[in-house]
Amino acid sequence: MTVAVVHADTPEGRIALEAAVREAADRQQSLVVLHPLDEPDEVEDVRAQVSEVAGADGWELLSAVHDGDPVGTTVELLARSGAERVVIGSRGRTATGKFLVERAVQRLITESSVPVLVIKAG
């Protein structure tokens, strides 16, 4: 079985990655990192960011360039991953922040076919 995590180069993305590494280790499951890309040449930067937290081995990266819909791309990557759960980070502290940021989180929760663990950063 597999634990997936939605990666972003943000504080909440790092918190989610740290939580997913622990979750996968606790469950003795593999870890797959999902990352919708803005540009194809971002892959190596993403690998380096993930390696800082998760180490060089023991995880797989699934990525794809999104077409303006990073949440839709993430849902597609999640379906391809075969994960039994997904970890995501959230930061919505202010009313506006909750409205703007949490819309993407809410959409992922709604469209996910597996349980979603939301980790609040900060």
PDB file of N, CA and C in Angstrom:
ATOM      1  N   MET A   1       0.836  -1.182   0.000  1.00  0.00           N
ATOM      2  CA  MET A   1       0.000   0.000   0.000  1.00  0.00           C
ATOM      3  C   MET A   1       0.878   1.242   0.000  1.00  0.00           C
ATOM      4  N   THR A   2       0.261   2.359  -0.314  1.00  0.00           N
ATOM      5  CA  THR A   2       1.003   3.591  -0.529  1.00  0.00           C
ATOM      6  C   THR A   2       0.315   4.773   0.138  1.00  0.00           C
ATOM      7  N   VAL A   3       1.137   5.678   0.672  1.00  0.00           N
ATOM      8  CA  VAL A   3       0.687   6.977   1.160  1.00  0.00           C
ATOM      9  C   VAL A   3       1.144   8.009   0.135  1.00  0.00           C
ATOM     10  N   ALA A   4       0.245   8.880  -0.279  1.00  0.00           N
ATOM     11  CA  ALA A   4       0.595   9.954  -1.211  1.00  0.00           C
ATOM     12  C   ALA A   4       0.621  11.278  -0.460  1.00  0.00           C
ATOM     13  N   VAL A   5       1.398  12.213  -0.979  1.00  0.00           N
ATOM     14  CA  VAL A   5       1.432  13.564  -0.424  1.00  0.00           C
ATOM     15  C   VAL A   5       1.451  14.551  -1.579  1.00  0.00           C
ATOM     16  N   VAL A   6       0.688  15.616  -1.429  1.00  0.00           N
ATOM     17  CA  VAL A   6       0.702  16.689  -2.415  1.00  0.00           C
ATOM     18  C   VAL A   6       1.831  17.635  -2.031  1.00  0.00           C
ATOM     19  N   HIS A   7       2.817  17.763  -2.909  1.00  0.00           N
ATOM     20  CA  HIS A   7       3.982  18.590  -2.617  1.00  0.00           C
ATOM     21  C   HIS A   7       3.850  19.970  -3.244  1.00  0.00           C
ATOM     22  N   ALA A   8       4.264  20.959  -2.486  1.00  0.00           N
ATOM     23  CA  ALA A   8       4.400  22.330  -2.974  1.00  0.00           C
ATOM     24  C   ALA A   8       5.597  22.928  -2.248  1.00  0.00           C
ATOM     25  N   ASP A   9       6.291  23.836  -2.880  1.00  0.00           N
ATOM     26  CA  ASP A   9       7.444  24.490  -2.268  1.00  0.00           C
ATOM     27  C   ASP A   9       6.958  25.655  -1.407  1.00  0.00           C
ATOM     28  N   THR A  10       6.257  25.289  -0.330  1.00  0.00           N
ATOM     29  CA  THR A  10       5.670  26.243   0.606  1.00  0.00           C
ATOM     30  C   THR A  10       5.824  25.671   2.008  1.00  0.00           C
ATOM     31  N   PRO A  11       5.660  26.500   3.051  1.00  0.00           N
ATOM     32  CA  PRO A  11       5.713  25.951   4.414  1.00  0.00           C
ATOM     33  C   PRO A  11       4.684  24.846   4.639  1.00  0.00           C
ATOM     34  N   GLU A  12       3.463  25.032   4.127  1.00  0.00           N
ATOM     35  CA  GLU A  12       2.447  23.994   4.318  1.00  0.00           C
ATOM     36  C   GLU A  12       2.759  22.748   3.498  1.00  0.00           C
ATOM     37  N   GLY A  13       3.412  22.916   2.364  1.00  0.00           N
ATOM     38  CA  GLY A  13       3.846  21.759   1.582  1.00  0.00           C
ATOM     39  C   GLY A  13       4.905  20.960   2.310  1.00  0.00           C
ATOM     40  N   ARG A  14       5.830  21.665   2.970  1.00  0.00           N
ATOM     41  CA  ARG A  14       6.884  20.985   3.737  1.00  0.00           C
ATOM     42  C   ARG A  14       6.289  20.248   4.940  1.00  0.00           C
ATOM     43  N   ILE A  15       5.357  20.893   5.640  1.00  0.00           N
ATOM     44  CA  ILE A  15       4.694  20.255   6.790  1.00  0.00           C
ATOM     45  C   ILE A  15       3.956  18.995   6.337  1.00  0.00           C
ATOM     46  N   ALA A  16       3.273  19.077   5.201  1.00  0.00           N
ATOM     47  CA  ALA A  16       2.556  17.910   4.670  1.00  0.00           C
ATOM     48  C   ALA A  16       3.530  16.796   4.327  1.00  0.00           C
ATOM     49  N   LEU A  17       4.659  17.145   3.719  1.00  0.00           N
ATOM     50  CA  LEU A  17       5.662  16.140   3.359  1.00  0.00           C
ATOM     51  C   LEU A  17       6.233  15.470   4.604  1.00  0.00           C
ATOM     52  N   GLU A  18       6.553  16.261   5.629  1.00  0.00           N
ATOM     53  CA  GLU A  18       7.057  15.692   6.883  1.00  0.00           C
ATOM     54  C   GLU A  18       6.035  14.733   7.490  1.00  0.00           C
ATOM     55  N   ALA A  19       4.768  15.135   7.494  1.00  0.00           N
ATOM     56  CA  ALA A  19       3.708  14.281   8.047  1.00  0.00           C
ATOM     57  C   ALA A  19       3.543  13.009   7.227  1.00  0.00           C
ATOM     58  N   ALA A  20       3.637  13.120   5.917  1.00  0.00           N
ATOM     59  CA  ALA A  20       3.482  11.947   5.048  1.00  0.00           C
ATOM     60  C   ALA A  20       4.637  10.969   5.218  1.00  0.00           C
ATOM     61  N   VAL A  21       5.845  11.481   5.405  1.00  0.00           N
ATOM     62  CA  VAL A  21       7.002  10.609   5.655  1.00  0.00           C
ATOM     63  C   VAL A  21       6.757   9.803   6.928  1.00  0.00           C
ATOM     64  N   ARG A  22       6.282  10.475   7.986  1.00  0.00           N
ATOM     65  CA  ARG A  22       5.972   9.773   9.246  1.00  0.00           C
ATOM     66  C   ARG A  22       4.841   8.767   9.056  1.00  0.00           C
ATOM     67  N   GLU A  23       3.790   9.184   8.348  1.00  0.00           N
ATOM     68  CA  GLU A  23       2.628   8.316   8.111  1.00  0.00           C
ATOM     69  C   GLU A  23       3.040   7.049   7.366  1.00  0.00           C
ATOM     70  N   ALA A  24       3.836   7.201   6.328  1.00  0.00           N
ATOM     71  CA  ALA A  24       4.289   6.040   5.550  1.00  0.00           C
ATOM     72  C   ALA A  24       5.162   5.127   6.407  1.00  0.00           C
ATOM     73  N   ALA A  25       6.050   5.712   7.201  1.00  0.00           N
ATOM     74  CA  ALA A  25       6.919   4.905   8.067  1.00  0.00           C
ATOM     75  C   ALA A  25       6.093   4.171   9.122  1.00  0.00           C
ATOM     76  N   ASP A  26       5.164   4.871   9.764  1.00  0.00           N
ATOM     77  CA  ASP A  26       4.323   4.251  10.794  1.00  0.00           C
ATOM     78  C   ASP A  26       3.501   3.093  10.238  1.00  0.00           C
ATOM     79  N   ARG A  27       3.044   3.220   9.012  1.00  0.00           N
ATOM     80  CA  ARG A  27       2.215   2.189   8.385  1.00  0.00           C
ATOM     81  C   ARG A  27       3.037   1.180   7.588  1.00  0.00           C
ATOM     82  N   GLN A  28       4.342   1.396   7.558  1.00  0.00           N
ATOM     83  CA  GLN A  28       5.254   0.553   6.774  1.00  0.00           C
ATOM     84  C   GLN A  28       4.773   0.463   5.326  1.00  0.00           C
ATOM     85  N   GLN A  29       4.494   1.633   4.765  1.00  0.00           N
ATOM     86  CA  GLN A  29       4.021   1.732   3.390  1.00  0.00           C
ATOM     87  C   GLN A  29       4.971   2.608   2.580  1.00  0.00           C
ATOM     88  N   SER A  30       4.864   2.498   1.289  1.00  0.00           N
ATOM     89  CA  SER A  30       5.692   3.332   0.422  1.00  0.00           C
ATOM     90  C   SER A  30       5.090   4.735   0.340  1.00  0.00           C
ATOM     91  N   LEU A  31       5.926   5.676  -0.083  1.00  0.00           N
ATOM     92  CA  LEU A  31       5.524   7.075  -0.192  1.00  0.00           C
ATOM     93  C   LEU A  31       5.612   7.511  -1.646  1.00  0.00           C
ATOM     94  N   VAL A  32       4.555   8.149  -2.119  1.00  0.00           N
ATOM     95  CA  VAL A  32       4.578   8.731  -3.461  1.00  0.00           C
ATOM     96  C   VAL A  32       4.257  10.221  -3.330  1.00  0.00           C
ATOM     97  N   VAL A  33       5.089  11.031  -3.952  1.00  0.00           N
ATOM     98  CA  VAL A  33       4.954  12.480  -3.906  1.00  0.00           C
ATOM     99  C   VAL A  33       4.280  12.939  -5.198  1.00  0.00           C
ATOM    100  N   LEU A  34       3.189  13.680  -5.052  1.00  0.00           N
ATOM    101  CA  LEU A  34       2.438  14.190  -6.202  1.00  0.00           C
ATOM    102  C   LEU A  34       2.755  15.670  -6.371  1.00  0.00           C
ATOM    103  N   HIS A  35       3.142  16.067  -7.574  1.00  0.00           N
ATOM    104  CA  HIS A  35       3.481  17.475  -7.793  1.00  0.00           C
ATOM    105  C   HIS A  35       3.048  17.919  -9.184  1.00  0.00           C
ATOM    106  N   PRO A  36       2.007  18.765  -9.256  1.00  0.00           N
ATOM    107  CA  PRO A  36       1.645  19.338 -10.554  1.00  0.00           C
ATOM    108  C   PRO A  36       2.655  20.428 -10.907  1.00  0.00           C
ATOM    109  N   LEU A  37       3.249  20.335 -12.071  1.00  0.00           N
ATOM    110  CA  LEU A  37       4.314  21.252 -12.479  1.00  0.00           C
ATOM    111  C   LEU A  37       3.763  22.420 -13.291  1.00  0.00           C
ATOM    112  N   ASP A  38       4.399  23.584 -13.117  1.00  0.00           N
ATOM    113  CA  ASP A  38       4.122  24.713 -14.000  1.00  0.00           C
ATOM    114  C   ASP A  38       4.887  24.540 -15.309  1.00  0.00           C
ATOM    115  N   GLU A  39       6.117  24.027 -15.204  1.00  0.00           N
ATOM    116  CA  GLU A  39       7.002  23.826 -16.357  1.00  0.00           C
ATOM    117  C   GLU A  39       7.701  22.477 -16.220  1.00  0.00           C
ATOM    118  N   PRO A  40       7.978  21.774 -17.313  1.00  0.00           N
ATOM    119  CA  PRO A  40       8.622  20.455 -17.237  1.00  0.00           C
ATOM    120  C   PRO A  40      10.009  20.481 -16.599  1.00  0.00           C
ATOM    121  N   ASP A  41      10.723  21.604 -16.729  1.00  0.00           N
ATOM    122  CA  ASP A  41      12.088  21.652 -16.203  1.00  0.00           C
ATOM    123  C   ASP A  41      12.155  21.825 -14.686  1.00  0.00           C
ATOM    124  N   GLU A  42      11.022  21.840 -14.005  1.00  0.00           N
ATOM    125  CA  GLU A  42      10.990  21.955 -12.545  1.00  0.00           C
ATOM    126  C   GLU A  42      11.263  20.631 -11.833  1.00  0.00           C
ATOM    127  N   VAL A  43      11.259  19.529 -12.551  1.00  0.00           N
ATOM    128  CA  VAL A  43      11.320  18.206 -11.925  1.00  0.00           C
ATOM    129  C   VAL A  43      12.537  18.054 -11.018  1.00  0.00           C
ATOM    130  N   GLU A  44      13.707  18.450 -11.472  1.00  0.00           N
ATOM    131  CA  GLU A  44      14.914  18.264 -10.657  1.00  0.00           C
ATOM    132  C   GLU A  44      14.873  19.114  -9.395  1.00  0.00           C
ATOM    133  N   ASP A  45      14.337  20.329  -9.483  1.00  0.00           N
ATOM    134  CA  ASP A  45      14.181  21.162  -8.288  1.00  0.00           C
ATOM    135  C   ASP A  45      13.234  20.498  -7.295  1.00  0.00           C
ATOM    136  N   VAL A  46      12.149  19.929  -7.794  1.00  0.00           N
ATOM    137  CA  VAL A  46      11.189  19.241  -6.925  1.00  0.00           C
ATOM    138  C   VAL A  46      11.859  18.049  -6.252  1.00  0.00           C
ATOM    139  N   ARG A  47      12.613  17.255  -7.007  1.00  0.00           N
ATOM    140  CA  ARG A  47      13.323  16.109  -6.418  1.00  0.00           C
ATOM    141  C   ARG A  47      14.264  16.563  -5.300  1.00  0.00           C
ATOM    142  N   ALA A  48      14.980  17.656  -5.512  1.00  0.00           N
ATOM    143  CA  ALA A  48      15.901  18.167  -4.498  1.00  0.00           C
ATOM    144  C   ALA A  48      15.143  18.621  -3.252  1.00  0.00           C
ATOM    145  N   GLN A  49      14.027  19.307  -3.429  1.00  0.00           N
ATOM    146  CA  GLN A  49      13.224  19.764  -2.293  1.00  0.00           C
ATOM    147  C   GLN A  49      12.699  18.586  -1.481  1.00  0.00           C
ATOM    148  N   VAL A  50      12.204  17.570  -2.172  1.00  0.00           N
ATOM    149  CA  VAL A  50      11.666  16.393  -1.481  1.00  0.00           C
ATOM    150  C   VAL A  50      12.786  15.643  -0.772  1.00  0.00           C
ATOM    151  N   SER A  51      13.932  15.514  -1.408  1.00  0.00           N
ATOM    152  CA  SER A  51      15.068  14.800  -0.810  1.00  0.00           C
ATOM    153  C   SER A  51      15.531  15.443   0.489  1.00  0.00           C
ATOM    154  N   GLU A  52      15.425  16.774   0.593  1.00  0.00           N
ATOM    155  CA  GLU A  52      15.808  17.469   1.824  1.00  0.00           C
ATOM    156  C   GLU A  52      15.004  16.975   3.020  1.00  0.00           C
ATOM    157  N   VAL A  53      13.760  16.628   2.800  1.00  0.00           N
ATOM    158  CA  VAL A  53      12.869  16.202   3.880  1.00  0.00           C
ATOM    159  C   VAL A  53      12.779  14.684   3.971  1.00  0.00           C
ATOM    160  N   ALA A  54      12.607  14.018   2.839  1.00  0.00           N
ATOM    161  CA  ALA A  54      12.315  12.580   2.820  1.00  0.00           C
ATOM    162  C   ALA A  54      13.551  11.714   2.629  1.00  0.00           C
ATOM    163  N   GLY A  55      14.702  12.322   2.365  1.00  0.00           N
ATOM    164  CA  GLY A  55      15.894  11.541   2.076  1.00  0.00           C
ATOM    165  C   GLY A  55      15.958  11.214   0.593  1.00  0.00           C
ATOM    166  N   ALA A  56      17.064  10.630   0.202  1.00  0.00           N
ATOM    167  CA  ALA A  56      17.301  10.371  -1.222  1.00  0.00           C
ATOM    168  C   ALA A  56      16.530   9.168  -1.747  1.00  0.00           C
ATOM    169  N   ASP A  57      16.178   8.242  -0.873  1.00  0.00           N
ATOM    170  CA  ASP A  57      15.538   6.994  -1.295  1.00  0.00           C
ATOM    171  C   ASP A  57      14.216   6.790  -0.569  1.00  0.00           C
ATOM    172  N   GLY A  58      13.462   5.803  -1.039  1.00  0.00           N
ATOM    173  CA  GLY A  58      12.255   5.393  -0.333  1.00  0.00           C
ATOM    174  C   GLY A  58      11.002   6.151  -0.726  1.00  0.00           C
ATOM    175  N   TRP A  59      11.040   6.873  -1.823  1.00  0.00           N
ATOM    176  CA  TRP A  59       9.860   7.580  -2.293  1.00  0.00           C
ATOM    177  C   TRP A  59       9.894   7.662  -3.815  1.00  0.00           C
ATOM    178  N   GLU A  60       8.723   7.899  -4.372  1.00  0.00           N
ATOM    179  CA  GLU A  60       8.575   8.023  -5.819  1.00  0.00           C
ATOM    180  C   GLU A  60       7.918   9.366  -6.113  1.00  0.00           C
ATOM    181  N   LEU A  61       8.320  10.008  -7.193  1.00  0.00           N
ATOM    182  CA  LEU A  61       7.717  11.270  -7.615  1.00  0.00           C
ATOM    183  C   LEU A  61       6.824  11.031  -8.824  1.00  0.00           C
ATOM    184  N   LEU A  62       5.570  11.455  -8.707  1.00  0.00           N
ATOM    185  CA  LEU A  62       4.658  11.479  -9.853  1.00  0.00           C
ATOM    186  C   LEU A  62       4.371  12.945 -10.140  1.00  0.00           C
ATOM    187  N   SER A  63       4.678  13.372 -11.341  1.00  0.00           N
ATOM    188  CA  SER A  63       4.451  14.769 -11.696  1.00  0.00           C
ATOM    189  C   SER A  63       3.929  14.859 -13.121  1.00  0.00           C
ATOM    190  N   ALA A  64       3.293  15.972 -13.395  1.00  0.00           N
ATOM    191  CA  ALA A  64       2.805  16.269 -14.742  1.00  0.00           C
ATOM    192  C   ALA A  64       2.613  17.772 -14.821  1.00  0.00           C
ATOM    193  N   VAL A  65       2.822  18.314 -15.997  1.00  0.00           N
ATOM    194  CA  VAL A  65       2.582  19.739 -16.207  1.00  0.00           C
ATOM    195  C   VAL A  65       1.073  19.961 -16.253  1.00  0.00           C
ATOM    196  N   HIS A  66       0.600  20.885 -15.404  1.00  0.00           N
ATOM    197  CA  HIS A  66      -0.843  21.151 -15.393  1.00  0.00           C
ATOM    198  C   HIS A  66      -1.210  22.108 -16.524  1.00  0.00           C
ATOM    199  N   ASP A  67      -2.462  22.067 -16.888  1.00  0.00           N
ATOM    200  CA  ASP A  67      -2.958  22.894 -17.993  1.00  0.00           C
ATOM    201  C   ASP A  67      -3.755  24.083 -17.474  1.00  0.00           C
ATOM    202  N   GLY A  68      -3.320  24.637 -16.350  1.00  0.00           N
ATOM    203  CA  GLY A  68      -4.058  25.726 -15.726  1.00  0.00           C
ATOM    204  C   GLY A  68      -4.953  25.251 -14.605  1.00  0.00           C
ATOM    205  N   ASP A  69      -4.985  23.944 -14.374  1.00  0.00           N
ATOM    206  CA  ASP A  69      -5.820  23.344 -13.331  1.00  0.00           C
ATOM    207  C   ASP A  69      -4.962  22.409 -12.480  1.00  0.00           C
ATOM    208  N   PRO A  70      -4.139  22.979 -11.562  1.00  0.00           N
ATOM    209  CA  PRO A  70      -3.262  22.118 -10.771  1.00  0.00           C
ATOM    210  C   PRO A  70      -4.013  21.113  -9.891  1.00  0.00           C
ATOM    211  N   VAL A  71      -5.200  21.471  -9.418  1.00  0.00           N
ATOM    212  CA  VAL A  71      -5.962  20.527  -8.593  1.00  0.00           C
ATOM    213  C   VAL A  71      -6.423  19.349  -9.443  1.00  0.00           C
ATOM    214  N   GLY A  72      -6.916  19.617 -10.638  1.00  0.00           N
ATOM    215  CA  GLY A  72      -7.327  18.533 -11.530  1.00  0.00           C
ATOM    216  C   GLY A  72      -6.169  17.613 -11.866  1.00  0.00           C
ATOM    217  N   THR A  73      -5.002  18.199 -12.119  1.00  0.00           N
ATOM    218  CA  THR A  73      -3.810  17.399 -12.395  1.00  0.00           C
ATOM    219  C   THR A  73      -3.435  16.569 -11.179  1.00  0.00           C
ATOM    220  N   THR A  74      -3.548  17.151  -9.986  1.00  0.00           N
ATOM    221  CA  THR A  74      -3.237  16.418  -8.758  1.00  0.00           C
ATOM    222  C   THR A  74      -4.184  15.241  -8.573  1.00  0.00           C
ATOM    223  N   VAL A  75      -5.461  15.435  -8.844  1.00  0.00           N
ATOM    224  CA  VAL A  75      -6.440  14.343  -8.733  1.00  0.00           C
ATOM    225  C   VAL A  75      -6.079  13.221  -9.706  1.00  0.00           C
ATOM    226  N   GLU A  76      -5.667  13.577 -10.914  1.00  0.00           N
ATOM    227  CA  GLU A  76      -5.250  12.567 -11.893  1.00  0.00           C
ATOM    228  C   GLU A  76      -4.003  11.821 -11.417  1.00  0.00           C
ATOM    229  N   LEU A  77      -3.029  12.553 -10.875  1.00  0.00           N
ATOM    230  CA  LEU A  77      -1.818  11.912 -10.352  1.00  0.00           C
ATOM    231  C   LEU A  77      -2.163  10.982  -9.191  1.00  0.00           C
ATOM    232  N   LEU A  78      -3.076  11.419  -8.333  1.00  0.00           N
ATOM    233  CA  LEU A  78      -3.494  10.592  -7.204  1.00  0.00           C
ATOM    234  C   LEU A  78      -4.116   9.291  -7.694  1.00  0.00           C
ATOM    235  N   ALA A  79      -4.961   9.363  -8.694  1.00  0.00           N
ATOM    236  CA  ALA A  79      -5.583   8.152  -9.247  1.00  0.00           C
ATOM    237  C   ALA A  79      -4.521   7.210  -9.806  1.00  0.00           C
ATOM    238  N   ARG A  80      -3.514   7.745 -10.478  1.00  0.00           N
ATOM    239  CA  ARG A  80      -2.426   6.925 -11.030  1.00  0.00           C
ATOM    240  C   ARG A  80      -1.555   6.310  -9.945  1.00  0.00           C
ATOM    241  N   SER A  81      -1.480   6.957  -8.785  1.00  0.00           N
ATOM    242  CA  SER A  81      -0.558   6.510  -7.732  1.00  0.00           C
ATOM    243  C   SER A  81      -0.986   5.216  -7.062  1.00  0.00           C
ATOM    244  N   GLY A  82      -2.282   4.943  -7.029  1.00  0.00           N
ATOM    245  CA  GLY A  82      -2.772   3.770  -6.316  1.00  0.00           C
ATOM    246  C   GLY A  82      -2.715   3.922  -4.803  1.00  0.00           C
ATOM    247  N   ALA A  83      -2.540   5.145  -4.320  1.00  0.00           N
ATOM    248  CA  ALA A  83      -2.429   5.387  -2.878  1.00  0.00           C
ATOM    249  C   ALA A  83      -3.748   5.090  -2.174  1.00  0.00           C
ATOM    250  N   GLU A  84      -3.625   4.709  -0.906  1.00  0.00           N
ATOM    251  CA  GLU A  84      -4.829   4.453  -0.112  1.00  0.00           C
ATOM    252  C   GLU A  84      -5.222   5.660   0.733  1.00  0.00           C
ATOM    253  N   ARG A  85      -4.357   6.680   0.769  1.00  0.00           N
ATOM    254  CA  ARG A  85      -4.651   7.934   1.468  1.00  0.00           C
ATOM    255  C   ARG A  85      -3.729   9.003   0.918  1.00  0.00           C
ATOM    256  N   VAL A  86      -4.116  10.260   1.106  1.00  0.00           N
ATOM    257  CA  VAL A  86      -3.287  11.369   0.639  1.00  0.00           C
ATOM    258  C   VAL A  86      -3.183  12.417   1.746  1.00  0.00           C
ATOM    259  N   VAL A  87      -2.004  12.988   1.884  1.00  0.00           N
ATOM    260  CA  VAL A  87      -1.728  14.020   2.879  1.00  0.00           C
ATOM    261  C   VAL A  87      -1.556  15.349   2.141  1.00  0.00           C
ATOM    262  N   ILE A  88      -2.220  16.393   2.648  1.00  0.00           N
ATOM    263  CA  ILE A  88      -2.067  17.728   2.074  1.00  0.00           C
ATOM    264  C   ILE A  88      -1.872  18.739   3.194  1.00  0.00           C
ATOM    265  N   GLY A  89      -1.232  19.845   2.873  1.00  0.00           N
ATOM    266  CA  GLY A  89      -1.037  20.923   3.836  1.00  0.00           C
ATOM    267  C   GLY A  89      -2.041  22.037   3.606  1.00  0.00           C
ATOM    268  N   SER A  90      -2.320  22.770   4.676  1.00  0.00           N
ATOM    269  CA  SER A  90      -3.254  23.885   4.605  1.00  0.00           C
ATOM    270  C   SER A  90      -2.744  25.003   5.495  1.00  0.00           C
ATOM    271  N   ARG A  91      -3.005  26.243   5.113  1.00  0.00           N
ATOM    272  CA  ARG A  91      -2.539  27.358   5.939  1.00  0.00           C
ATOM    273  C   ARG A  91      -3.599  28.391   6.226  1.00  0.00           C
ATOM    274  N   GLY A  92      -4.765  28.343   5.645  1.00  0.00           N
ATOM    275  CA  GLY A  92      -5.773  29.395   5.720  1.00  0.00           C
ATOM    276  C   GLY A  92      -6.000  29.969   7.103  1.00  0.00           C
ATOM    277  N   ARG A  93      -5.273  31.014   7.443  1.00  0.00           N
ATOM    278  CA  ARG A  93      -5.373  31.614   8.776  1.00  0.00           C
ATOM    279  C   ARG A  93      -6.395  32.736   8.828  1.00  0.00           C
ATOM    280  N   THR A  94      -6.397  33.597   7.827  1.00  0.00           N
ATOM    281  CA  THR A  94      -7.337  34.714   7.822  1.00  0.00           C
ATOM    282  C   THR A  94      -8.598  34.300   7.073  1.00  0.00           C
ATOM    283  N   ALA A  95      -9.632  35.100   7.213  1.00  0.00           N
ATOM    284  CA  ALA A  95     -10.878  34.786   6.505  1.00  0.00           C
ATOM    285  C   ALA A  95     -10.648  34.747   4.999  1.00  0.00           C
ATOM    286  N   THR A  96      -9.910  35.721   4.475  1.00  0.00           N
ATOM    287  CA  THR A  96      -9.619  35.735   3.040  1.00  0.00           C
ATOM    288  C   THR A  96      -8.731  34.564   2.666  1.00  0.00           C
ATOM    289  N   GLY A  97      -7.714  34.299   3.474  1.00  0.00           N
ATOM    290  CA  GLY A  97      -6.809  33.173   3.213  1.00  0.00           C
ATOM    291  C   GLY A  97      -7.550  31.856   3.218  1.00  0.00           C
ATOM    292  N   LYS A  98      -8.447  31.705   4.164  1.00  0.00           N
ATOM    293  CA  LYS A  98      -9.242  30.481   4.216  1.00  0.00           C
ATOM    294  C   LYS A  98     -10.087  30.345   2.959  1.00  0.00           C
ATOM    295  N   PHE A  99     -10.674  31.440   2.522  1.00  0.00           N
ATOM    296  CA  PHE A  99     -11.526  31.396   1.333  1.00  0.00           C
ATOM    297  C   PHE A  99     -10.721  31.037   0.092  1.00  0.00           C
ATOM    298  N   LEU A 100      -9.578  31.695  -0.112  1.00  0.00           N
ATOM    299  CA  LEU A 100      -8.793  31.486  -1.326  1.00  0.00           C
ATOM    300  C   LEU A 100      -8.026  30.176  -1.306  1.00  0.00           C
ATOM    301  N   VAL A 101      -7.300  29.920  -0.243  1.00  0.00           N
ATOM    302  CA  VAL A 101      -6.460  28.725  -0.175  1.00  0.00           C
ATOM    303  C   VAL A 101      -7.300  27.480   0.042  1.00  0.00           C
ATOM    304  N   GLU A 102      -8.257  27.579   0.883  1.00  0.00           N
ATOM    305  CA  GLU A 102      -9.035  26.403   1.240  1.00  0.00           C
ATOM    306  C   GLU A 102      -9.926  25.922   0.104  1.00  0.00           C
ATOM    307  N   ARG A 103     -10.181  26.767  -0.883  1.00  0.00           N
ATOM    308  CA  ARG A 103     -10.984  26.300  -2.026  1.00  0.00           C
ATOM    309  C   ARG A 103     -10.286  25.158  -2.743  1.00  0.00           C
ATOM    310  N   ALA A 104      -8.975  25.271  -2.929  1.00  0.00           N
ATOM    311  CA  ALA A 104      -8.223  24.193  -3.583  1.00  0.00           C
ATOM    312  C   ALA A 104      -8.224  22.942  -2.712  1.00  0.00           C
ATOM    313  N   VAL A 105      -8.030  23.133  -1.400  1.00  0.00           N
ATOM    314  CA  VAL A 105      -8.045  21.995  -0.475  1.00  0.00           C
ATOM    315  C   VAL A 105      -9.419  21.333  -0.496  1.00  0.00           C
ATOM    316  N   GLN A 106     -10.466  22.143  -0.433  1.00  0.00           N
ATOM    317  CA  GLN A 106     -11.829  21.600  -0.449  1.00  0.00           C
ATOM    318  C   GLN A 106     -12.097  20.824  -1.732  1.00  0.00           C
ATOM    319  N   ARG A 107     -11.641  21.357  -2.841  1.00  0.00           N
ATOM    320  CA  ARG A 107     -11.858  20.662  -4.117  1.00  0.00           C
ATOM    321  C   ARG A 107     -11.133  19.325  -4.135  1.00  0.00           C
ATOM    322  N   LEU A 108      -9.903  19.308  -3.639  1.00  0.00           N
ATOM    323  CA  LEU A 108      -9.155  18.048  -3.606  1.00  0.00           C
ATOM    324  C   LEU A 108      -9.858  17.029  -2.714  1.00  0.00           C
ATOM    325  N   ILE A 109     -10.346  17.485  -1.565  1.00  0.00           N
ATOM    326  CA  ILE A 109     -11.075  16.582  -0.666  1.00  0.00           C
ATOM    327  C   ILE A 109     -12.309  16.027  -1.374  1.00  0.00           C
ATOM    328  N   THR A 110     -13.038  16.882  -2.056  1.00  0.00           N
ATOM    329  CA  THR A 110     -14.266  16.480  -2.737  1.00  0.00           C
ATOM    330  C   THR A 110     -14.001  15.504  -3.876  1.00  0.00           C
ATOM    331  N   GLU A 111     -12.935  15.743  -4.634  1.00  0.00           N
ATOM    332  CA  GLU A 111     -12.671  14.935  -5.823  1.00  0.00           C
ATOM    333  C   GLU A 111     -11.801  13.713  -5.558  1.00  0.00           C
ATOM    334  N   SER A 112     -11.210  13.622  -4.374  1.00  0.00           N
ATOM    335  CA  SER A 112     -10.347  12.481  -4.056  1.00  0.00           C
ATOM    336  C   SER A 112     -11.172  11.215  -3.858  1.00  0.00           C
ATOM    337  N   SER A 113     -10.644  10.112  -4.345  1.00  0.00           N
ATOM    338  CA  SER A 113     -11.316   8.826  -4.158  1.00  0.00           C
ATOM    339  C   SER A 113     -10.798   8.095  -2.921  1.00  0.00           C
ATOM    340  N   VAL A 114      -9.850   8.717  -2.206  1.00  0.00           N
ATOM    341  CA  VAL A 114      -9.272   8.114  -1.003  1.00  0.00           C
ATOM    342  C   VAL A 114      -9.348   9.121   0.145  1.00  0.00           C
ATOM    343  N   PRO A 115      -9.210   8.653   1.395  1.00  0.00           N
ATOM    344  CA  PRO A 115      -9.218   9.586   2.520  1.00  0.00           C
ATOM    345  C   PRO A 115      -8.101  10.625   2.400  1.00  0.00           C
ATOM    346  N   VAL A 116      -8.406  11.842   2.858  1.00  0.00           N
ATOM    347  CA  VAL A 116      -7.463  12.957   2.795  1.00  0.00           C
ATOM    348  C   VAL A 116      -7.128  13.394   4.216  1.00  0.00           C
ATOM    349  N   LEU A 117      -5.841  13.422   4.539  1.00  0.00           N
ATOM    350  CA  LEU A 117      -5.363  13.910   5.827  1.00  0.00           C
ATOM    351  C   LEU A 117      -4.858  15.328   5.614  1.00  0.00           C
ATOM    352  N   VAL A 118      -5.528  16.311   6.229  1.00  0.00           N
ATOM    353  CA  VAL A 118      -5.151  17.716   6.078  1.00  0.00           C
ATOM    354  C   VAL A 118      -4.313  18.122   7.282  1.00  0.00           C
ATOM    355  N   ILE A 119      -3.105  18.615   7.013  1.00  0.00           N
ATOM    356  CA  ILE A 119      -2.183  19.051   8.056  1.00  0.00           C
ATOM    357  C   ILE A 119      -2.133  20.571   8.025  1.00  0.00           C
ATOM    358  N   LYS A 120      -2.454  21.202   9.139  1.00  0.00           N
ATOM    359  CA  LYS A 120      -2.436  22.655   9.208  1.00  0.00           C
ATOM    360  C   LYS A 120      -1.033  23.127   9.560  1.00  0.00           C
ATOM    361  N   ALA A 121      -0.498  24.004   8.746  1.00  0.00           N
ATOM    362  CA  ALA A 121       0.819  24.591   9.001  1.00  0.00           C
ATOM    363  C   ALA A 121       0.640  25.810   9.894  1.00  0.00           C
ATOM    364  N   GLY A 122       1.614  25.986  10.793  1.00  0.00           N
ATOM    365  CA  GLY A 122       1.600  27.195  11.611  1.00  0.00           C
ATOM    366  C   GLY A 122       0.731  27.170  12.741  1.00  0.00           C
TER     367      GLY A 122
END
